[in-house]
Amino acid sequence: MREQGLNDIWFSDESRRLRVPLWILEKLSRYTGQRSRLELGGILLGRTFKEHDEITELVGPSRKDVAGLFSFLRKKEPAQEQINTAWNKSGGHVVYLGEWHTHPGNEPTPSVQDRDMIRQAVRTTEMELEYLYLMIGGKGGSCWIGRQTAGRPAVLSHMTQI
């Protein structure tokens, strides 16, 4: 794990703050350059604190995931193995925080399928959190980050850089 410092970027919506180390965004940006015609994705791991959350790892796609021109399907089993490993290595401090994937354009925004996927994940994921994050990377280092709460299933609130 890397040290927190000046290279952290903070995002916020009306009720929660999220710390994202710059190297996480750089890693996301590299995925938009690989096989750039296909969408790629994976999971977000991190820590939760009283005042904020922090992404500590952007786990890449597994060999079992399915990448398409306008879609990405993450397989549950490989992701769950990564989540369990991170949880065990951290003594229960690193948890599943959400999903990430790439879009082919310069200004990524969630599609209807993206919104349905993250709502479904919040409903079906067994965890103590009542929300998950969705991060979408686009060309040129662009990024969209949202937070889906269980209490407001129709709303994926966009987090802005603060």
C-alpha atoms as a PDB file:
ATOM      1  CA  MET A   1       0.000   0.000   0.000  1.00  0.00           C
ATOM      2  CA  ARG A   2       1.236   3.478  -0.821  1.00  0.00           C
ATOM      3  CA  GLU A   3       1.451   6.400   1.550  1.00  0.00           C
ATOM      4  CA  GLN A   4      -1.264   9.040   1.581  1.00  0.00           C
ATOM      5  CA  GLY A   5      -0.028  12.424   0.656  1.00  0.00           C
ATOM      6  CA  LEU A   6      -0.203  15.403  -1.617  1.00  0.00           C
ATOM      7  CA  ASN A   7      -1.039  13.229  -4.599  1.00  0.00           C
ATOM      8  CA  ASP A   8      -4.494  12.338  -3.279  1.00  0.00           C
ATOM      9  CA  ILE A   9      -7.590  13.683  -4.999  1.00  0.00           C
ATOM     10  CA  TRP A  10     -10.792  14.136  -3.042  1.00  0.00           C
ATOM     11  CA  PHE A  11     -14.297  13.679  -4.415  1.00  0.00           C
ATOM     12  CA  SER A  12     -17.588  14.428  -2.669  1.00  0.00           C
ATOM     13  CA  ASP A  13     -21.333  14.284  -3.053  1.00  0.00           C
ATOM     14  CA  GLU A  14     -23.949  15.699  -0.678  1.00  0.00           C
ATOM     15  CA  SER A  15     -23.153  13.250   2.125  1.00  0.00           C
ATOM     16  CA  ARG A  16     -19.816  11.446   1.686  1.00  0.00           C
ATOM     17  CA  ARG A  17     -16.192  12.146   0.771  1.00  0.00           C
ATOM     18  CA  LEU A  18     -13.887   9.806  -1.140  1.00  0.00           C
ATOM     19  CA  ARG A  19     -10.088   9.924  -1.237  1.00  0.00           C
ATOM     20  CA  VAL A  20      -8.532   8.599  -4.441  1.00  0.00           C
ATOM     21  CA  PRO A  21      -4.733   8.476  -4.692  1.00  0.00           C
ATOM     22  CA  LEU A  22      -3.462   9.902  -7.963  1.00  0.00           C
ATOM     23  CA  TRP A  23      -1.761   6.602  -8.802  1.00  0.00           C
ATOM     24  CA  ILE A  24      -5.222   4.912  -8.827  1.00  0.00           C
ATOM     25  CA  LEU A  25      -6.443   7.409 -11.440  1.00  0.00           C
ATOM     26  CA  GLU A  26      -3.224   6.901 -13.425  1.00  0.00           C
ATOM     27  CA  LYS A  27      -3.783   3.132 -13.332  1.00  0.00           C
ATOM     28  CA  LEU A  28      -7.367   3.632 -14.547  1.00  0.00           C
ATOM     29  CA  SER A  29      -6.058   5.830 -17.348  1.00  0.00           C
ATOM     30  CA  ARG A  30      -3.681   3.076 -18.477  1.00  0.00           C
ATOM     31  CA  TYR A  31      -6.626   0.704 -18.891  1.00  0.00           C
ATOM     32  CA  THR A  32      -8.307   3.133 -21.286  1.00  0.00           C
ATOM     33  CA  GLY A  33      -5.194   2.920 -23.453  1.00  0.00           C
ATOM     34  CA  GLN A  34      -4.976  -0.882 -23.484  1.00  0.00           C
ATOM     35  CA  ARG A  35      -7.036  -2.591 -26.161  1.00  0.00           C
ATOM     36  CA  SER A  36      -8.720   0.782 -26.301  1.00  0.00           C
ATOM     37  CA  ARG A  37     -11.525  -0.459 -28.512  1.00  0.00           C
ATOM     38  CA  LEU A  38     -12.814  -2.710 -25.711  1.00  0.00           C
ATOM     39  CA  GLU A  39     -14.312  -1.763 -22.379  1.00  0.00           C
ATOM     40  CA  LEU A  40     -12.345  -3.178 -19.446  1.00  0.00           C
ATOM     41  CA  GLY A  41     -13.207  -3.241 -15.765  1.00  0.00           C
ATOM     42  CA  GLY A  42     -12.782  -4.649 -12.300  1.00  0.00           C
ATOM     43  CA  ILE A  43     -13.378  -3.893  -8.655  1.00  0.00           C
ATOM     44  CA  LEU A  44     -12.495  -1.126  -6.212  1.00  0.00           C
ATOM     45  CA  LEU A  45     -11.047  -2.049  -2.835  1.00  0.00           C
ATOM     46  CA  GLY A  46     -10.432   0.295   0.042  1.00  0.00           C
ATOM     47  CA  ARG A  47     -11.010   1.422   3.578  1.00  0.00           C
ATOM     48  CA  THR A  48     -13.894   3.175   5.244  1.00  0.00           C
ATOM     49  CA  PHE A  49     -13.554   5.750   7.984  1.00  0.00           C
ATOM     50  CA  LYS A  50     -16.078   7.780   9.930  1.00  0.00           C
ATOM     51  CA  GLU A  51     -15.485  10.903   7.837  1.00  0.00           C
ATOM     52  CA  HIS A  52     -14.563   9.442   4.447  1.00  0.00           C
ATOM     53  CA  ASP A  53     -13.706   6.420   2.319  1.00  0.00           C
ATOM     54  CA  GLU A  54     -10.425   5.708   0.567  1.00  0.00           C
ATOM     55  CA  ILE A  55      -9.758   3.617  -2.511  1.00  0.00           C
ATOM     56  CA  THR A  56      -6.565   1.631  -1.960  1.00  0.00           C
ATOM     57  CA  GLU A  57      -6.640  -0.676  -4.978  1.00  0.00           C
ATOM     58  CA  LEU A  58      -8.094  -0.794  -8.451  1.00  0.00           C
ATOM     59  CA  VAL A  59      -8.168  -4.529  -9.242  1.00  0.00           C
ATOM     60  CA  GLY A  60      -7.911  -5.254 -12.954  1.00  0.00           C
ATOM     61  CA  PRO A  61      -9.992  -7.572 -15.077  1.00  0.00           C
ATOM     62  CA  SER A  62      -9.618 -11.323 -14.743  1.00  0.00           C
ATOM     63  CA  ARG A  63      -9.176 -13.759 -17.623  1.00  0.00           C
ATOM     64  CA  LYS A  64     -12.758 -14.919 -17.073  1.00  0.00           C
ATOM     65  CA  ASP A  65     -14.284 -11.448 -17.554  1.00  0.00           C
ATOM     66  CA  VAL A  66     -15.872 -10.610 -20.900  1.00  0.00           C
ATOM     67  CA  ALA A  67     -14.820  -7.363 -22.615  1.00  0.00           C
ATOM     68  CA  GLY A  68     -16.797  -5.967 -25.542  1.00  0.00           C
ATOM     69  CA  LEU A  69     -16.867  -2.847 -27.675  1.00  0.00           C
ATOM     70  CA  PHE A  70     -19.655  -1.288 -25.590  1.00  0.00           C
ATOM     71  CA  SER A  71     -19.881  -3.561 -22.564  1.00  0.00           C
ATOM     72  CA  PHE A  72     -17.934  -5.270 -19.824  1.00  0.00           C
ATOM     73  CA  LEU A  73     -19.124  -8.279 -17.830  1.00  0.00           C
ATOM     74  CA  ARG A  74     -17.212  -9.000 -14.646  1.00  0.00           C
ATOM     75  CA  LYS A  75     -17.332 -12.582 -13.389  1.00  0.00           C
ATOM     76  CA  LYS A  76     -18.096 -12.876  -9.684  1.00  0.00           C
ATOM     77  CA  GLU A  77     -15.792 -15.728  -8.632  1.00  0.00           C
ATOM     78  CA  PRO A  78     -12.382 -14.204  -9.474  1.00  0.00           C
ATOM     79  CA  ALA A  79     -13.440 -10.856  -7.990  1.00  0.00           C
ATOM     80  CA  GLN A  80     -14.642 -12.522  -4.800  1.00  0.00           C
ATOM     81  CA  GLU A  81     -11.261 -14.247  -4.446  1.00  0.00           C
ATOM     82  CA  GLN A  82      -9.527 -10.846  -4.684  1.00  0.00           C
ATOM     83  CA  ILE A  83     -11.920  -9.361  -2.119  1.00  0.00           C
ATOM     84  CA  ASN A  84     -11.367 -12.239   0.301  1.00  0.00           C
ATOM     85  CA  THR A  85      -7.577 -12.059  -0.093  1.00  0.00           C
ATOM     86  CA  ALA A  86      -7.520  -8.292   0.554  1.00  0.00           C
ATOM     87  CA  TRP A  87      -9.828  -8.675   3.566  1.00  0.00           C
ATOM     88  CA  ASN A  88      -7.687 -11.435   5.081  1.00  0.00           C
ATOM     89  CA  LYS A  89      -4.326  -9.729   4.434  1.00  0.00           C
ATOM     90  CA  SER A  90      -5.560  -6.479   5.985  1.00  0.00           C
ATOM     91  CA  GLY A  91      -7.106  -8.070   9.053  1.00  0.00           C
ATOM     92  CA  GLY A  92     -10.568  -7.031   7.888  1.00  0.00           C
ATOM     93  CA  HIS A  93      -9.780  -3.399   7.106  1.00  0.00           C
ATOM     94  CA  VAL A  94      -9.786  -3.485   3.284  1.00  0.00           C
ATOM     95  CA  VAL A  95     -13.257  -4.031   1.836  1.00  0.00           C
ATOM     96  CA  TYR A  96     -15.087  -4.097  -1.477  1.00  0.00           C
ATOM     97  CA  LEU A  97     -16.046  -0.503  -2.325  1.00  0.00           C
ATOM     98  CA  GLY A  98     -17.483  -0.908  -5.796  1.00  0.00           C
ATOM     99  CA  GLU A  99     -16.894  -1.327  -9.499  1.00  0.00           C
ATOM    100  CA  TRP A 100     -14.896   0.368 -12.232  1.00  0.00           C
ATOM    101  CA  HIS A 101     -14.785   0.104 -15.999  1.00  0.00           C
ATOM    102  CA  THR A 102     -13.763   2.090 -19.043  1.00  0.00           C
ATOM    103  CA  HIS A 103     -15.731   3.856 -21.748  1.00  0.00           C
ATOM    104  CA  PRO A 104     -14.356   4.697 -25.190  1.00  0.00           C
ATOM    105  CA  GLY A 105     -15.057   8.449 -25.135  1.00  0.00           C
ATOM    106  CA  ASN A 106     -13.481  11.516 -23.565  1.00  0.00           C
ATOM    107  CA  GLU A 107     -16.395  12.305 -21.236  1.00  0.00           C
ATOM    108  CA  PRO A 108     -17.526   9.082 -19.556  1.00  0.00           C
ATOM    109  CA  THR A 109     -20.993   8.974 -18.029  1.00  0.00           C
ATOM    110  CA  PRO A 110     -22.930   5.967 -16.739  1.00  0.00           C
ATOM    111  CA  SER A 111     -25.209   4.200 -19.178  1.00  0.00           C
ATOM    112  CA  VAL A 112     -28.581   2.724 -18.246  1.00  0.00           C
ATOM    113  CA  GLN A 113     -26.825  -0.653 -17.962  1.00  0.00           C
ATOM    114  CA  ASP A 114     -24.181   0.857 -15.648  1.00  0.00           C
ATOM    115  CA  ARG A 115     -26.867   2.307 -13.392  1.00  0.00           C
ATOM    116  CA  ASP A 116     -28.763  -0.998 -13.301  1.00  0.00           C
ATOM    117  CA  MET A 117     -25.565  -2.929 -12.537  1.00  0.00           C
ATOM    118  CA  ILE A 118     -24.532  -0.785  -9.565  1.00  0.00           C
ATOM    119  CA  ARG A 119     -28.088  -0.732  -8.140  1.00  0.00           C
ATOM    120  CA  GLN A 120     -28.181  -4.530  -8.398  1.00  0.00           C
ATOM    121  CA  ALA A 121     -24.752  -4.778  -6.743  1.00  0.00           C
ATOM    122  CA  VAL A 122     -25.907  -2.631  -3.800  1.00  0.00           C
ATOM    123  CA  ARG A 123     -29.020  -4.793  -3.379  1.00  0.00           C
ATOM    124  CA  THR A 124     -27.286  -8.168  -3.582  1.00  0.00           C
ATOM    125  CA  THR A 125     -23.823  -7.629  -2.084  1.00  0.00           C
ATOM    126  CA  GLU A 126     -23.497  -8.934   1.461  1.00  0.00           C
ATOM    127  CA  MET A 127     -21.634  -6.226   3.344  1.00  0.00           C
ATOM    128  CA  GLU A 128     -22.034  -3.707   6.108  1.00  0.00           C
ATOM    129  CA  LEU A 129     -21.894  -0.682   3.789  1.00  0.00           C
ATOM    130  CA  GLU A 130     -25.124   0.755   2.457  1.00  0.00           C
ATOM    131  CA  TYR A 131     -23.520   2.145  -0.694  1.00  0.00           C
ATOM    132  CA  LEU A 132     -21.027   1.322  -3.448  1.00  0.00           C
ATOM    133  CA  TYR A 133     -18.927   3.437  -5.778  1.00  0.00           C
ATOM    134  CA  LEU A 134     -18.865   3.333  -9.561  1.00  0.00           C
ATOM    135  CA  MET A 135     -15.809   4.702 -11.354  1.00  0.00           C
ATOM    136  CA  ILE A 136     -15.774   5.082 -15.148  1.00  0.00           C
ATOM    137  CA  GLY A 137     -12.566   5.970 -16.950  1.00  0.00           C
ATOM    138  CA  GLY A 138     -12.475   7.632 -20.352  1.00  0.00           C
ATOM    139  CA  LYS A 139      -9.860   8.719 -22.839  1.00  0.00           C
ATOM    140  CA  GLY A 140      -7.383  11.435 -21.969  1.00  0.00           C
ATOM    141  CA  GLY A 141      -7.458  10.694 -18.238  1.00  0.00           C
ATOM    142  CA  SER A 142     -11.112  11.658 -17.838  1.00  0.00           C
ATOM    143  CA  CYS A 143     -13.032  10.014 -15.027  1.00  0.00           C
ATOM    144  CA  TRP A 144     -16.587   9.867 -13.671  1.00  0.00           C
ATOM    145  CA  ILE A 145     -17.198   8.739 -10.074  1.00  0.00           C
ATOM    146  CA  GLY A 146     -20.574   8.106  -8.488  1.00  0.00           C
ATOM    147  CA  ARG A 147     -21.975   6.633  -5.300  1.00  0.00           C
ATOM    148  CA  GLN A 148     -25.074   4.431  -5.194  1.00  0.00           C
ATOM    149  CA  THR A 149     -26.850   4.168  -1.859  1.00  0.00           C
ATOM    150  CA  ALA A 150     -29.265   1.481  -0.733  1.00  0.00           C
ATOM    151  CA  GLY A 151     -31.647   4.077   0.687  1.00  0.00           C
ATOM    152  CA  ARG A 152     -32.059   5.875  -2.636  1.00  0.00           C
ATOM    153  CA  PRO A 153     -32.078   3.096  -5.240  1.00  0.00           C
ATOM    154  CA  ALA A 154     -32.993   5.358  -8.128  1.00  0.00           C
ATOM    155  CA  VAL A 155     -30.125   7.787  -7.591  1.00  0.00           C
ATOM    156  CA  LEU A 156     -26.477   7.337  -8.482  1.00  0.00           C
ATOM    157  CA  SER A 157     -25.044  10.607  -7.255  1.00  0.00           C
ATOM    158  CA  HIS A 158     -22.113  12.052  -9.194  1.00  0.00           C
ATOM    159  CA  MET A 159     -19.153  12.941  -7.009  1.00  0.00           C
ATOM    160  CA  THR A 160     -17.187  16.023  -7.927  1.00  0.00           C
ATOM    161  CA  GLN A 161     -13.552  16.801  -7.255  1.00  0.00           C
ATOM    162  CA  ILE A 162     -13.056  19.043  -4.240  1.00  0.00           C
END
